[in-house]
Amino acid sequence: MTARKNDDQESMREPEQPEEVIDEFDPEHLRYSEAEYASADVDTREVITAIKVRKPGKQEWFRLHEKLILPTTIFHRESKNSLSGEPWLVQPKCREMFKPKDLSAVCLQLAMSSVDTVFLWDRKVARKGEESSDYLMSLETIAEAALKSTVRMEWDNANRCYKFEYATADLGEPDWPTDRTMADWTRLAFRDRNINREDHPVVVEYRTGKPAA
């Protein structure tokens, strides 16, 4: 009797469904939904991991930070990737290892483009005791304007200096990063391009012509 009952229970069970076979390369299976990438409910903080040292591009609208600025010295090493050379920070104890004419006195200043690209402008300035020029004065004028307004600069070949224009649209104030000091930005920009000892490969290359590794 018990065996008959068990047989009846077995016959009443739902038949097992075969496991669905998924084609892992089916476009419908691989397609993503916007919900997967939604981050509205997630608090985030952007971390900038690299920053370029360069002048503003000729089509680039930009602003300059009022306080994050550093007068210093740079050596522009010849580079096939840049007409103006690759900028290297030269520590004070190493500056005497170069001819003065081969070093550039600059003001490094934090800049931000109208599309929120952060960079350091290595603006050339007159050396101590050196008379300024129309070229250097044009850069200084542009830098002063960029503290308060969004500007764009362009080379004026006829006058051998830069000219600039103001943005007529209200682009608002830059959303400057607030979690780094000028030392932090300089360290980030020159972490692999810091001339800090007499036997530095770039110093050896400069003195002997032997290419740095």
N, C-alpha and C. Protein backbone atom coordinates (compact mmCIF):
# COMPACT_ATOMS: atom_id res chain seq x y z
N MET A 1 0.83 -1.21 0.00
CA MET A 1 0.00 0.00 0.00
C MET A 1 0.86 1.26 0.00
N THR A 2 1.89 1.22 0.85
CA THR A 2 2.79 2.39 0.94
C THR A 2 3.52 2.60 -0.37
N ALA A 3 3.96 1.50 -0.99
CA ALA A 3 4.65 1.61 -2.26
C ALA A 3 3.76 2.21 -3.32
N ARG A 4 2.46 1.83 -3.32
CA ARG A 4 1.49 2.38 -4.28
C ARG A 4 1.33 3.88 -4.08
N LYS A 5 1.33 4.32 -2.83
CA LYS A 5 1.17 5.75 -2.52
C LYS A 5 2.37 6.54 -3.01
N ASN A 6 3.55 5.99 -2.80
CA ASN A 6 4.76 6.68 -3.25
C ASN A 6 4.78 6.80 -4.77
N ASP A 7 4.32 5.75 -5.43
CA ASP A 7 4.27 5.80 -6.89
C ASP A 7 3.33 6.88 -7.38
N ASP A 8 2.19 7.04 -6.67
CA ASP A 8 1.23 8.09 -7.05
C ASP A 8 1.83 9.47 -6.87
N GLN A 9 2.59 9.69 -5.77
CA GLN A 9 3.21 10.99 -5.51
C GLN A 9 4.26 11.33 -6.57
N GLU A 10 5.01 10.29 -6.96
CA GLU A 10 6.02 10.51 -7.99
C GLU A 10 5.38 10.93 -9.30
N SER A 11 4.24 10.31 -9.61
CA SER A 11 3.58 10.62 -10.87
C SER A 11 2.96 12.00 -10.88
N MET A 12 2.67 12.57 -9.70
CA MET A 12 2.05 13.89 -9.60
C MET A 12 3.08 15.03 -9.64
N ARG A 13 4.37 14.73 -9.50
CA ARG A 13 5.40 15.78 -9.52
C ARG A 13 5.50 16.41 -10.90
N GLU A 14 5.85 17.74 -10.87
CA GLU A 14 6.06 18.46 -12.13
C GLU A 14 7.31 17.90 -12.81
N PRO A 15 7.21 17.66 -14.07
CA PRO A 15 8.41 17.16 -14.77
C PRO A 15 9.51 18.24 -14.75
N GLU A 16 10.75 17.86 -14.57
CA GLU A 16 11.86 18.79 -14.54
C GLU A 16 12.03 19.44 -15.91
N GLN A 17 12.20 20.80 -15.85
CA GLN A 17 12.41 21.54 -17.09
C GLN A 17 13.87 21.45 -17.50
N PRO A 18 14.15 21.28 -18.75
CA PRO A 18 15.55 21.25 -19.19
C PRO A 18 16.20 22.62 -18.97
N GLU A 19 17.47 22.63 -18.56
CA GLU A 19 18.20 23.88 -18.31
C GLU A 19 18.34 24.66 -19.61
N GLU A 20 18.01 25.95 -19.51
CA GLU A 20 18.08 26.80 -20.69
C GLU A 20 19.52 26.97 -21.14
N VAL A 21 19.77 26.77 -22.39
CA VAL A 21 21.10 26.94 -22.96
C VAL A 21 21.22 28.37 -23.49
N ILE A 22 22.19 29.10 -22.97
CA ILE A 22 22.38 30.50 -23.36
C ILE A 22 23.52 30.62 -24.34
N ASP A 23 23.23 31.28 -25.43
CA ASP A 23 24.28 31.57 -26.40
C ASP A 23 25.02 32.82 -25.92
N GLU A 24 26.24 32.64 -25.42
CA GLU A 24 26.97 33.74 -24.81
C GLU A 24 27.34 34.84 -25.81
N PHE A 25 27.19 34.56 -27.10
CA PHE A 25 27.53 35.55 -28.11
C PHE A 25 26.29 36.12 -28.82
N ASP A 26 25.13 35.79 -28.29
CA ASP A 26 23.89 36.34 -28.81
C ASP A 26 23.85 37.84 -28.49
N PRO A 27 23.66 38.71 -29.49
CA PRO A 27 23.64 40.16 -29.25
C PRO A 27 22.66 40.57 -28.16
N GLU A 28 21.50 39.94 -28.09
CA GLU A 28 20.52 40.29 -27.07
C GLU A 28 21.03 39.94 -25.67
N HIS A 29 21.82 38.88 -25.59
CA HIS A 29 22.40 38.48 -24.31
C HIS A 29 23.51 39.45 -23.88
N LEU A 30 24.26 39.93 -24.84
CA LEU A 30 25.41 40.79 -24.53
C LEU A 30 25.05 42.26 -24.38
N ARG A 31 23.89 42.64 -24.91
CA ARG A 31 23.51 44.05 -24.89
C ARG A 31 23.41 44.56 -23.45
N TYR A 32 23.98 45.76 -23.19
CA TYR A 32 23.91 46.32 -21.84
C TYR A 32 22.69 47.23 -21.71
N SER A 33 22.28 47.41 -20.49
CA SER A 33 21.19 48.34 -20.21
C SER A 33 21.77 49.55 -19.50
N GLU A 34 21.11 50.69 -19.66
CA GLU A 34 21.59 51.91 -19.02
C GLU A 34 21.64 51.75 -17.51
N ALA A 35 20.77 50.93 -16.96
CA ALA A 35 20.72 50.75 -15.50
C ALA A 35 22.03 50.17 -14.97
N GLU A 36 22.70 49.37 -15.79
CA GLU A 36 23.95 48.76 -15.35
C GLU A 36 25.03 49.81 -15.11
N TYR A 37 24.96 50.92 -15.85
CA TYR A 37 26.00 51.93 -15.78
C TYR A 37 25.55 53.19 -15.04
N ALA A 38 24.37 53.15 -14.49
CA ALA A 38 23.88 54.32 -13.76
C ALA A 38 24.68 54.52 -12.49
N SER A 39 25.07 55.79 -12.23
CA SER A 39 25.86 56.08 -11.03
C SER A 39 25.26 57.23 -10.23
N ALA A 40 24.00 57.53 -10.50
CA ALA A 40 23.37 58.66 -9.83
C ALA A 40 23.33 58.49 -8.33
N ASP A 41 23.24 57.27 -7.85
CA ASP A 41 23.13 57.04 -6.43
C ASP A 41 24.47 56.71 -5.78
N VAL A 42 25.55 56.87 -6.55
CA VAL A 42 26.88 56.55 -6.03
C VAL A 42 27.68 57.83 -5.88
N ASP A 43 28.20 58.11 -4.69
CA ASP A 43 29.04 59.27 -4.49
C ASP A 43 30.43 58.98 -5.04
N THR A 44 30.94 59.88 -5.86
CA THR A 44 32.25 59.67 -6.47
C THR A 44 33.12 60.92 -6.31
N ARG A 45 34.43 60.73 -6.45
CA ARG A 45 35.37 61.84 -6.45
C ARG A 45 36.42 61.56 -7.51
N GLU A 46 36.50 62.44 -8.49
CA GLU A 46 37.46 62.25 -9.58
C GLU A 46 38.88 62.42 -9.07
N VAL A 47 39.77 61.55 -9.49
CA VAL A 47 41.19 61.62 -9.14
C VAL A 47 41.99 61.78 -10.42
N ILE A 48 42.71 62.88 -10.56
CA ILE A 48 43.54 63.13 -11.73
C ILE A 48 44.88 62.44 -11.51
N THR A 49 45.27 61.58 -12.43
CA THR A 49 46.48 60.77 -12.25
C THR A 49 47.64 61.24 -13.12
N ALA A 50 47.41 62.21 -14.01
CA ALA A 50 48.49 62.74 -14.85
C ALA A 50 48.11 64.16 -15.27
N ILE A 51 49.11 64.98 -15.51
CA ILE A 51 48.86 66.35 -15.95
C ILE A 51 49.97 66.77 -16.91
N LYS A 52 49.60 67.42 -18.01
CA LYS A 52 50.56 67.86 -19.01
C LYS A 52 51.14 69.22 -18.64
N VAL A 53 52.40 69.42 -19.04
CA VAL A 53 53.04 70.74 -18.95
C VAL A 53 53.12 71.27 -20.37
N ARG A 54 52.38 72.34 -20.65
CA ARG A 54 52.29 72.82 -22.04
C ARG A 54 51.70 74.22 -22.06
N LYS A 55 51.79 74.86 -23.19
CA LYS A 55 51.11 76.13 -23.37
C LYS A 55 49.69 75.87 -23.89
N PRO A 56 48.77 76.80 -23.72
CA PRO A 56 47.41 76.60 -24.24
C PRO A 56 47.43 76.47 -25.76
N GLY A 57 46.55 75.62 -26.28
CA GLY A 57 46.44 75.46 -27.72
C GLY A 57 45.80 76.68 -28.37
N LYS A 58 46.04 76.85 -29.66
CA LYS A 58 45.56 78.05 -30.34
C LYS A 58 44.04 78.09 -30.48
N GLN A 59 43.37 76.95 -30.34
CA GLN A 59 41.91 76.92 -30.39
C GLN A 59 41.31 76.67 -29.01
N GLU A 60 42.10 76.80 -27.97
CA GLU A 60 41.69 76.39 -26.63
C GLU A 60 41.32 77.60 -25.76
N TRP A 61 40.09 77.60 -25.27
CA TRP A 61 39.66 78.59 -24.28
C TRP A 61 40.11 78.11 -22.91
N PHE A 62 40.63 79.02 -22.08
CA PHE A 62 41.17 78.57 -20.80
C PHE A 62 41.13 79.68 -19.75
N ARG A 63 41.29 79.24 -18.51
CA ARG A 63 41.43 80.13 -17.36
C ARG A 63 42.68 79.73 -16.58
N LEU A 64 43.20 80.64 -15.75
CA LEU A 64 44.34 80.37 -14.91
C LEU A 64 43.96 80.51 -13.44
N HIS A 65 44.55 79.66 -12.62
CA HIS A 65 44.32 79.71 -11.18
C HIS A 65 45.10 80.86 -10.57
N GLU A 66 44.48 81.59 -9.68
CA GLU A 66 45.09 82.80 -9.13
C GLU A 66 46.25 82.51 -8.18
N LYS A 67 46.17 81.39 -7.45
CA LYS A 67 47.15 81.14 -6.39
C LYS A 67 48.13 80.02 -6.70
N LEU A 68 47.76 79.07 -7.55
CA LEU A 68 48.62 77.93 -7.81
C LEU A 68 49.59 78.27 -8.94
N ILE A 69 50.72 78.88 -8.54
CA ILE A 69 51.70 79.38 -9.48
C ILE A 69 53.09 79.20 -8.88
N LEU A 70 54.07 78.90 -9.71
CA LEU A 70 55.43 78.64 -9.23
C LEU A 70 56.47 79.16 -10.23
N PRO A 71 57.24 80.21 -9.88
CA PRO A 71 58.37 80.62 -10.71
C PRO A 71 59.51 79.60 -10.54
N THR A 72 60.01 79.06 -11.63
CA THR A 72 61.05 78.03 -11.53
C THR A 72 61.85 77.97 -12.84
N THR A 73 62.66 76.92 -12.97
CA THR A 73 63.53 76.77 -14.14
C THR A 73 63.29 75.41 -14.79
N ILE A 74 63.23 75.43 -16.11
CA ILE A 74 62.96 74.21 -16.89
C ILE A 74 64.01 74.07 -18.00
N PHE A 75 64.35 72.83 -18.28
CA PHE A 75 65.20 72.50 -19.43
C PHE A 75 64.32 71.79 -20.45
N HIS A 76 64.30 72.33 -21.67
CA HIS A 76 63.52 71.70 -22.73
C HIS A 76 64.43 70.77 -23.53
N ARG A 77 64.29 69.50 -23.29
CA ARG A 77 65.10 68.49 -23.95
C ARG A 77 64.52 68.21 -25.34
N GLU A 78 65.39 68.07 -26.32
CA GLU A 78 64.94 67.79 -27.68
C GLU A 78 64.11 66.51 -27.70
N SER A 79 63.01 66.58 -28.45
CA SER A 79 62.11 65.44 -28.54
C SER A 79 61.47 65.39 -29.91
N LYS A 80 61.39 64.19 -30.46
CA LYS A 80 60.73 64.04 -31.77
C LYS A 80 59.23 64.23 -31.67
N ASN A 81 58.71 64.22 -30.43
CA ASN A 81 57.26 64.35 -30.24
C ASN A 81 56.82 65.78 -29.97
N SER A 82 57.78 66.72 -29.86
CA SER A 82 57.42 68.09 -29.54
C SER A 82 58.41 69.05 -30.18
N LEU A 83 57.89 70.06 -30.89
CA LEU A 83 58.75 71.05 -31.53
C LEU A 83 59.47 71.90 -30.50
N SER A 84 58.81 72.17 -29.38
CA SER A 84 59.40 73.02 -28.35
C SER A 84 60.25 72.23 -27.36
N GLY A 85 60.28 70.90 -27.50
CA GLY A 85 61.08 70.09 -26.59
C GLY A 85 60.27 69.57 -25.42
N GLU A 86 60.84 68.60 -24.75
CA GLU A 86 60.19 67.97 -23.60
C GLU A 86 60.62 68.68 -22.32
N PRO A 87 59.67 69.21 -21.53
CA PRO A 87 60.05 69.99 -20.35
C PRO A 87 60.52 69.13 -19.18
N TRP A 88 61.68 69.48 -18.64
CA TRP A 88 62.24 68.81 -17.47
C TRP A 88 62.45 69.85 -16.37
N LEU A 89 62.02 69.53 -15.16
CA LEU A 89 62.23 70.40 -14.02
C LEU A 89 63.69 70.29 -13.58
N VAL A 90 64.32 71.43 -13.35
CA VAL A 90 65.73 71.44 -12.94
C VAL A 90 65.82 71.95 -11.49
N GLN A 91 66.28 71.10 -10.61
CA GLN A 91 66.45 71.48 -9.22
C GLN A 91 67.54 72.56 -9.11
N PRO A 92 67.42 73.47 -8.12
CA PRO A 92 68.39 74.57 -7.99
C PRO A 92 69.85 74.13 -7.99
N LYS A 93 70.16 73.02 -7.32
CA LYS A 93 71.55 72.57 -7.23
C LYS A 93 72.09 72.08 -8.57
N CYS A 94 71.21 71.84 -9.54
CA CYS A 94 71.62 71.31 -10.84
C CYS A 94 71.65 72.36 -11.95
N ARG A 95 71.22 73.58 -11.66
CA ARG A 95 71.11 74.58 -12.71
C ARG A 95 72.46 75.02 -13.26
N GLU A 96 73.48 74.99 -12.42
CA GLU A 96 74.82 75.38 -12.87
C GLU A 96 75.44 74.37 -13.83
N MET A 97 74.80 73.22 -13.97
CA MET A 97 75.30 72.18 -14.88
C MET A 97 74.91 72.45 -16.33
N PHE A 98 74.07 73.48 -16.55
CA PHE A 98 73.63 73.84 -17.89
C PHE A 98 74.08 75.26 -18.22
N LYS A 99 74.24 75.54 -19.48
CA LYS A 99 74.48 76.92 -19.90
C LYS A 99 73.20 77.71 -19.69
N PRO A 100 73.30 78.93 -19.17
CA PRO A 100 72.09 79.73 -18.90
C PRO A 100 71.16 79.85 -20.11
N LYS A 101 71.74 79.94 -21.29
CA LYS A 101 70.90 80.11 -22.50
C LYS A 101 70.06 78.88 -22.81
N ASP A 102 70.44 77.73 -22.23
CA ASP A 102 69.72 76.49 -22.50
C ASP A 102 68.64 76.19 -21.46
N LEU A 103 68.51 77.05 -20.48
CA LEU A 103 67.47 76.91 -19.47
C LEU A 103 66.40 77.97 -19.68
N SER A 104 65.19 77.67 -19.30
CA SER A 104 64.07 78.61 -19.44
C SER A 104 63.54 79.00 -18.06
N ALA A 105 63.49 80.29 -17.82
CA ALA A 105 62.81 80.79 -16.62
C ALA A 105 61.32 80.82 -16.93
N VAL A 106 60.53 80.17 -16.10
CA VAL A 106 59.10 80.06 -16.38
C VAL A 106 58.29 80.30 -15.11
N CYS A 107 57.03 80.59 -15.33
CA CYS A 107 56.03 80.54 -14.27
C CYS A 107 55.12 79.36 -14.58
N LEU A 108 55.20 78.34 -13.75
CA LEU A 108 54.25 77.23 -13.87
C LEU A 108 52.95 77.67 -13.22
N GLN A 109 51.86 77.53 -13.92
CA GLN A 109 50.57 77.96 -13.38
C GLN A 109 49.49 76.97 -13.77
N LEU A 110 48.65 76.62 -12.78
CA LEU A 110 47.57 75.68 -13.06
C LEU A 110 46.54 76.34 -13.97
N ALA A 111 46.18 75.64 -15.03
CA ALA A 111 45.22 76.13 -16.01
C ALA A 111 44.11 75.11 -16.21
N MET A 112 42.97 75.60 -16.67
CA MET A 112 41.86 74.72 -16.99
C MET A 112 41.19 75.20 -18.27
N SER A 113 40.97 74.27 -19.20
CA SER A 113 40.31 74.62 -20.45
C SER A 113 38.80 74.68 -20.25
N SER A 114 38.11 75.15 -21.28
CA SER A 114 36.66 75.27 -21.20
C SER A 114 35.97 73.91 -21.17
N VAL A 115 36.72 72.84 -21.50
CA VAL A 115 36.16 71.48 -21.42
C VAL A 115 36.75 70.73 -20.22
N ASP A 116 37.22 71.51 -19.23
CA ASP A 116 37.66 70.99 -17.93
C ASP A 116 38.95 70.16 -17.98
N THR A 117 39.78 70.39 -18.98
CA THR A 117 41.09 69.76 -19.01
C THR A 117 42.06 70.59 -18.18
N VAL A 118 42.69 69.95 -17.20
CA VAL A 118 43.64 70.64 -16.33
C VAL A 118 45.05 70.44 -16.86
N PHE A 119 45.85 71.52 -16.88
CA PHE A 119 47.24 71.41 -17.30
C PHE A 119 48.07 72.50 -16.61
N LEU A 120 49.39 72.38 -16.69
CA LEU A 120 50.29 73.40 -16.17
C LEU A 120 50.86 74.18 -17.35
N TRP A 121 50.64 75.48 -17.35
CA TRP A 121 51.21 76.33 -18.39
C TRP A 121 52.61 76.75 -17.95
N ASP A 122 53.61 76.38 -18.73
CA ASP A 122 54.98 76.78 -18.43
C ASP A 122 55.28 78.09 -19.17
N ARG A 123 54.74 79.17 -18.64
CA ARG A 123 54.84 80.49 -19.30
C ARG A 123 56.24 81.07 -19.11
N LYS A 124 56.88 81.38 -20.21
CA LYS A 124 58.22 81.94 -20.14
C LYS A 124 58.19 83.37 -19.58
N VAL A 125 59.19 83.69 -18.77
CA VAL A 125 59.34 85.03 -18.19
C VAL A 125 60.77 85.47 -18.37
N ALA A 126 61.01 86.77 -18.17
CA ALA A 126 62.36 87.30 -18.30
C ALA A 126 63.22 86.83 -17.12
N ARG A 127 64.47 86.47 -17.39
CA ARG A 127 65.39 86.13 -16.32
C ARG A 127 65.75 87.38 -15.53
N LYS A 128 66.27 87.16 -14.35
CA LYS A 128 66.70 88.26 -13.49
C LYS A 128 67.75 89.10 -14.23
N GLY A 129 67.50 90.39 -14.30
CA GLY A 129 68.43 91.29 -14.98
C GLY A 129 68.25 91.35 -16.48
N GLU A 130 67.32 90.56 -17.02
CA GLU A 130 67.08 90.53 -18.47
C GLU A 130 65.91 91.44 -18.81
N GLU A 131 66.07 92.22 -19.85
CA GLU A 131 65.00 93.11 -20.29
C GLU A 131 63.89 92.30 -20.93
N SER A 132 62.66 92.65 -20.61
CA SER A 132 61.54 91.92 -21.19
C SER A 132 61.39 92.29 -22.67
N SER A 133 60.53 91.55 -23.35
CA SER A 133 60.31 91.78 -24.78
C SER A 133 58.81 91.82 -25.05
N ASP A 134 58.44 92.23 -26.26
CA ASP A 134 57.02 92.23 -26.63
C ASP A 134 56.43 90.84 -26.48
N TYR A 135 57.23 89.84 -26.84
CA TYR A 135 56.79 88.44 -26.74
C TYR A 135 56.46 88.08 -25.30
N LEU A 136 57.38 88.36 -24.38
CA LEU A 136 57.15 88.00 -22.97
C LEU A 136 56.05 88.85 -22.36
N MET A 137 56.01 90.12 -22.72
CA MET A 137 54.96 90.99 -22.17
C MET A 137 53.59 90.57 -22.65
N SER A 138 53.50 90.06 -23.88
CA SER A 138 52.20 89.59 -24.38
C SER A 138 51.73 88.39 -23.57
N LEU A 139 52.64 87.50 -23.21
CA LEU A 139 52.28 86.35 -22.39
C LEU A 139 51.81 86.79 -21.00
N GLU A 140 52.48 87.75 -20.44
CA GLU A 140 52.09 88.25 -19.12
C GLU A 140 50.71 88.89 -19.16
N THR A 141 50.43 89.66 -20.21
CA THR A 141 49.12 90.31 -20.36
C THR A 141 48.01 89.26 -20.47
N ILE A 142 48.27 88.21 -21.24
CA ILE A 142 47.28 87.15 -21.40
C ILE A 142 47.05 86.43 -20.08
N ALA A 143 48.14 86.17 -19.35
CA ALA A 143 48.01 85.49 -18.06
C ALA A 143 47.18 86.30 -17.08
N GLU A 144 47.37 87.59 -17.05
CA GLU A 144 46.59 88.45 -16.16
C GLU A 144 45.11 88.42 -16.55
N ALA A 145 44.83 88.45 -17.85
CA ALA A 145 43.44 88.41 -18.31
C ALA A 145 42.78 87.09 -17.97
N ALA A 146 43.54 85.99 -18.05
CA ALA A 146 42.98 84.65 -17.84
C ALA A 146 42.67 84.37 -16.37
N LEU A 147 43.11 85.24 -15.47
CA LEU A 147 42.75 85.07 -14.06
C LEU A 147 41.28 85.36 -13.81
N LYS A 148 40.72 86.27 -14.60
CA LYS A 148 39.33 86.71 -14.38
C LYS A 148 38.38 86.33 -15.51
N SER A 149 38.92 86.03 -16.68
CA SER A 149 38.06 85.77 -17.84
C SER A 149 38.58 84.57 -18.62
N THR A 150 37.67 83.97 -19.40
CA THR A 150 38.06 82.88 -20.30
C THR A 150 38.62 83.49 -21.57
N VAL A 151 39.83 83.08 -21.94
CA VAL A 151 40.50 83.68 -23.09
C VAL A 151 41.03 82.60 -24.03
N ARG A 152 41.42 83.06 -25.22
CA ARG A 152 42.06 82.18 -26.20
C ARG A 152 43.19 82.98 -26.84
N MET A 153 44.37 82.37 -26.95
CA MET A 153 45.53 83.09 -27.47
C MET A 153 45.95 82.57 -28.84
N GLU A 154 46.58 83.45 -29.60
CA GLU A 154 46.99 83.11 -30.96
C GLU A 154 48.26 83.87 -31.30
N TRP A 155 49.16 83.23 -32.02
CA TRP A 155 50.42 83.85 -32.39
C TRP A 155 50.20 84.92 -33.46
N ASP A 156 50.77 86.10 -33.21
CA ASP A 156 50.72 87.22 -34.16
C ASP A 156 52.08 87.31 -34.84
N ASN A 157 52.18 86.71 -35.99
CA ASN A 157 53.48 86.60 -36.66
C ASN A 157 54.03 87.96 -37.07
N ALA A 158 53.17 88.88 -37.45
CA ALA A 158 53.62 90.20 -37.90
C ALA A 158 54.32 90.96 -36.78
N ASN A 159 53.81 90.82 -35.57
CA ASN A 159 54.37 91.55 -34.43
C ASN A 159 55.25 90.69 -33.52
N ARG A 160 55.39 89.41 -33.88
CA ARG A 160 56.24 88.48 -33.12
C ARG A 160 55.87 88.42 -31.65
N CYS A 161 54.60 88.30 -31.40
CA CYS A 161 54.09 88.17 -30.03
C CYS A 161 52.73 87.49 -30.09
N TYR A 162 52.10 87.31 -28.93
CA TYR A 162 50.79 86.68 -28.89
C TYR A 162 49.70 87.73 -28.77
N LYS A 163 48.57 87.46 -29.38
CA LYS A 163 47.36 88.24 -29.18
C LYS A 163 46.31 87.31 -28.59
N PHE A 164 45.23 87.89 -28.07
CA PHE A 164 44.21 87.03 -27.46
C PHE A 164 42.85 87.66 -27.61
N GLU A 165 41.84 86.84 -27.31
CA GLU A 165 40.46 87.30 -27.35
C GLU A 165 39.70 86.74 -26.15
N TYR A 166 38.69 87.49 -25.74
CA TYR A 166 37.81 87.05 -24.65
C TYR A 166 36.66 86.25 -25.19
N ALA A 167 36.19 85.28 -24.42
CA ALA A 167 34.96 84.56 -24.77
C ALA A 167 33.77 85.47 -24.49
N THR A 168 32.87 85.63 -25.45
CA THR A 168 31.70 86.50 -25.25
C THR A 168 30.59 85.79 -24.49
N ALA A 169 30.58 84.46 -24.58
CA ALA A 169 29.58 83.69 -23.83
C ALA A 169 30.01 83.57 -22.36
N ASP A 170 29.03 83.47 -21.49
CA ASP A 170 29.32 83.28 -20.07
C ASP A 170 29.57 81.79 -19.82
N LEU A 171 30.83 81.43 -19.65
CA LEU A 171 31.19 80.03 -19.44
C LEU A 171 31.26 79.66 -17.97
N GLY A 172 30.96 80.63 -17.11
CA GLY A 172 30.96 80.34 -15.68
C GLY A 172 32.37 80.23 -15.12
N GLU A 173 32.44 80.03 -13.80
CA GLU A 173 33.73 79.90 -13.14
C GLU A 173 34.23 78.46 -13.22
N PRO A 174 35.53 78.26 -13.35
CA PRO A 174 36.08 76.90 -13.41
C PRO A 174 35.82 76.15 -12.10
N ASP A 175 35.61 74.87 -12.22
CA ASP A 175 35.45 74.01 -11.04
C ASP A 175 36.83 73.44 -10.69
N TRP A 176 37.63 74.28 -10.04
CA TRP A 176 39.01 73.91 -9.76
C TRP A 176 39.09 72.75 -8.77
N PRO A 177 40.00 71.79 -8.99
CA PRO A 177 40.25 70.77 -7.97
C PRO A 177 40.78 71.45 -6.71
N THR A 178 40.34 70.98 -5.57
CA THR A 178 40.72 71.64 -4.31
C THR A 178 41.54 70.74 -3.40
N ASP A 179 41.86 69.54 -3.86
CA ASP A 179 42.52 68.58 -2.98
C ASP A 179 44.03 68.51 -3.17
N ARG A 180 44.61 69.46 -3.97
CA ARG A 180 46.04 69.40 -4.22
C ARG A 180 46.67 70.79 -4.11
N THR A 181 47.91 70.80 -3.64
CA THR A 181 48.69 72.02 -3.57
C THR A 181 49.52 72.18 -4.84
N MET A 182 50.20 73.32 -4.96
CA MET A 182 51.08 73.50 -6.12
C MET A 182 52.20 72.47 -6.11
N ALA A 183 52.69 72.12 -4.93
CA ALA A 183 53.71 71.07 -4.83
C ALA A 183 53.19 69.74 -5.36
N ASP A 184 51.94 69.44 -5.06
CA ASP A 184 51.33 68.19 -5.54
C ASP A 184 51.25 68.17 -7.08
N TRP A 185 50.79 69.28 -7.66
CA TRP A 185 50.66 69.35 -9.11
C TRP A 185 52.02 69.26 -9.78
N THR A 186 53.02 69.94 -9.20
CA THR A 186 54.37 69.91 -9.78
C THR A 186 54.95 68.50 -9.70
N ARG A 187 54.75 67.85 -8.58
CA ARG A 187 55.24 66.47 -8.41
C ARG A 187 54.57 65.54 -9.43
N LEU A 188 53.28 65.72 -9.64
CA LEU A 188 52.54 64.87 -10.57
C LEU A 188 53.03 65.09 -12.00
N ALA A 189 53.30 66.35 -12.34
CA ALA A 189 53.70 66.68 -13.70
C ALA A 189 55.13 66.25 -14.02
N PHE A 190 56.02 66.32 -13.02
CA PHE A 190 57.43 66.06 -13.27
C PHE A 190 57.96 64.84 -12.54
N ARG A 191 57.09 63.92 -12.19
CA ARG A 191 57.53 62.76 -11.41
C ARG A 191 58.57 61.93 -12.15
N ASP A 192 58.53 61.93 -13.48
CA ASP A 192 59.51 61.18 -14.27
C ASP A 192 60.45 62.10 -15.03
N ARG A 193 60.37 63.41 -14.76
CA ARG A 193 61.20 64.38 -15.50
C ARG A 193 61.75 65.43 -14.53
N ASN A 194 62.48 64.94 -13.54
CA ASN A 194 63.03 65.79 -12.49
C ASN A 194 64.55 65.64 -12.46
N ILE A 195 65.27 66.67 -12.86
CA ILE A 195 66.74 66.63 -12.87
C ILE A 195 67.23 67.05 -11.48
N ASN A 196 67.74 66.09 -10.73
CA ASN A 196 68.04 66.34 -9.32
C ASN A 196 69.42 65.85 -8.87
N ARG A 197 70.30 65.48 -9.82
CA ARG A 197 71.65 65.05 -9.42
C ARG A 197 72.60 65.21 -10.60
N GLU A 198 73.89 65.26 -10.29
CA GLU A 198 74.91 65.52 -11.31
C GLU A 198 75.00 64.40 -12.33
N ASP A 199 74.78 63.16 -11.90
CA ASP A 199 74.88 62.04 -12.83
C ASP A 199 73.53 61.65 -13.43
N HIS A 200 72.58 62.56 -13.37
CA HIS A 200 71.27 62.30 -13.98
C HIS A 200 71.46 62.04 -15.47
N PRO A 201 70.75 61.05 -16.06
CA PRO A 201 70.92 60.74 -17.48
C PRO A 201 70.78 61.93 -18.42
N VAL A 202 69.88 62.87 -18.11
CA VAL A 202 69.71 64.04 -18.99
C VAL A 202 70.91 64.97 -18.89
N VAL A 203 71.50 65.09 -17.70
CA VAL A 203 72.72 65.89 -17.53
C VAL A 203 73.87 65.26 -18.31
N VAL A 204 74.01 63.95 -18.19
CA VAL A 204 75.06 63.23 -18.92
C VAL A 204 74.86 63.39 -20.43
N GLU A 205 73.63 63.28 -20.88
CA GLU A 205 73.33 63.46 -22.31
C GLU A 205 73.68 64.87 -22.76
N TYR A 206 73.34 65.87 -21.94
CA TYR A 206 73.62 67.27 -22.27
C TYR A 206 75.12 67.52 -22.37
N ARG A 207 75.91 66.93 -21.47
CA ARG A 207 77.34 67.19 -21.43
C ARG A 207 78.13 66.39 -22.45
N THR A 208 77.70 65.16 -22.71
CA THR A 208 78.50 64.25 -23.54
C THR A 208 77.88 63.93 -24.88
N GLY A 209 76.59 64.14 -25.01
CA GLY A 209 75.91 63.75 -26.24
C GLY A 209 75.42 62.32 -26.24
N LYS A 210 75.75 61.60 -25.17
CA LYS A 210 75.29 60.21 -25.06
C LYS A 210 73.81 60.20 -24.73
N PRO A 211 72.97 59.59 -25.58
CA PRO A 211 71.52 59.61 -25.34
C PRO A 211 71.15 59.00 -23.99
N ALA A 212 70.23 59.66 -23.30
CA ALA A 212 69.74 59.10 -22.03
C ALA A 212 68.90 57.89 -22.31
N ALA A 213 68.92 56.96 -21.37
CA ALA A 213 68.16 55.72 -21.52
C ALA A 213 66.68 56.02 -21.45
